[in-house]
Protein backbone atom coordinates (compact mmCIF):
# COMPACT_ATOMS: atom_id res chain seq x y z
CA MET A 1 -0.29 -0.11 0.12
CA ALA A 2 1.52 3.65 -0.94
CA ALA A 3 1.60 5.85 1.52
CA ILE A 4 -1.26 8.10 2.10
CA ASP A 5 -1.16 11.84 2.22
CA PHE A 6 -3.59 12.83 5.00
CA PRO A 7 -4.92 16.44 5.81
CA ASP A 8 -2.85 18.27 8.90
CA ASP A 9 -5.95 18.56 9.82
CA LEU A 10 -7.38 15.16 10.43
CA ILE A 11 -3.76 14.42 11.54
CA ALA A 12 -4.76 16.90 15.08
CA LEU A 13 -7.75 15.76 15.28
CA GLU A 14 -5.59 11.95 15.64
CA ARG A 15 -3.44 13.59 17.88
CA SER A 16 -6.17 15.29 20.08
CA ALA A 17 -7.84 11.84 20.02
CA TRP A 18 -4.57 10.20 20.98
CA THR A 19 -3.70 12.31 23.32
CA GLU A 20 -6.99 12.49 25.60
CA ILE A 21 -7.10 8.21 25.08
CA GLN A 22 -3.77 8.54 27.19
CA GLU A 23 -4.86 11.20 29.37
CA GLY A 24 -7.83 8.80 30.12
CA ARG A 25 -10.49 11.62 29.44
CA LEU A 26 -11.42 10.78 25.44
CA THR A 27 -14.42 12.54 25.26
CA VAL A 28 -17.05 11.69 23.20
CA PRO A 29 -16.27 15.07 20.57
CA THR A 30 -13.33 14.55 19.90
CA ALA A 31 -14.40 10.35 19.20
CA LEU A 32 -17.56 11.92 16.58
CA ALA A 33 -14.77 14.53 15.38
CA VAL A 34 -12.22 12.31 14.54
CA HIS A 35 -14.31 9.60 12.87
CA GLU A 36 -16.09 11.33 11.34
CA ALA A 37 -13.37 13.20 9.24
CA LEU A 38 -12.29 9.97 8.99
CA ALA A 39 -15.34 8.88 6.36
CA ALA A 40 -15.33 11.79 5.13
CA PHE A 41 -11.09 11.52 3.56
CA THR A 42 -11.71 8.09 3.26
CA LYS A 43 -14.95 8.82 0.97
CA GLU A 44 -13.60 11.44 -1.20
CA SER A 45 -9.97 9.58 -1.73
CA GLY A 46 -11.42 6.03 -2.46
CA GLU A 47 -9.34 4.34 0.07
CA SER A 48 -10.42 1.35 2.41
CA ARG A 49 -11.84 2.83 5.79
CA TYR A 50 -9.27 0.28 7.18
CA ASP A 51 -6.25 1.10 5.40
CA VAL A 52 -6.36 4.64 5.61
CA GLU A 53 -7.48 3.94 9.52
CA MET A 54 -4.41 1.48 10.15
CA ALA A 55 -1.66 4.29 8.58
CA LEU A 56 -3.55 7.36 10.64
CA LYS A 57 -2.97 5.50 13.79
CA ARG A 58 0.74 4.39 13.10
CA ARG A 59 1.25 8.38 11.96
CA VAL A 60 0.10 9.28 15.29
CA ARG A 61 1.08 7.28 17.29
CA HIS A 62 3.92 5.38 15.32
CA PRO A 63 6.12 8.77 13.79
CA GLU A 64 9.29 8.13 12.77
CA PRO A 65 12.28 9.50 13.87
CA GLU A 66 13.53 12.21 12.26
CA ALA A 67 15.77 12.67 9.99
CA ALA A 68 18.91 14.59 11.20
């Protein structure tokens, strides 16, 4: 699967959700915002929702180290 070019707002939403998850305070509005943005992105891109969601989580939760 090719790398997915995520919009900055979708990455920011997933980062917010991940922070809330780690702090034990994920809210329904945050989860819903991520869900809706992800659904819109997959509809527009034609990519598999599963592939997009897994790639987004991987990018936010396990970022690759920046090149020196």
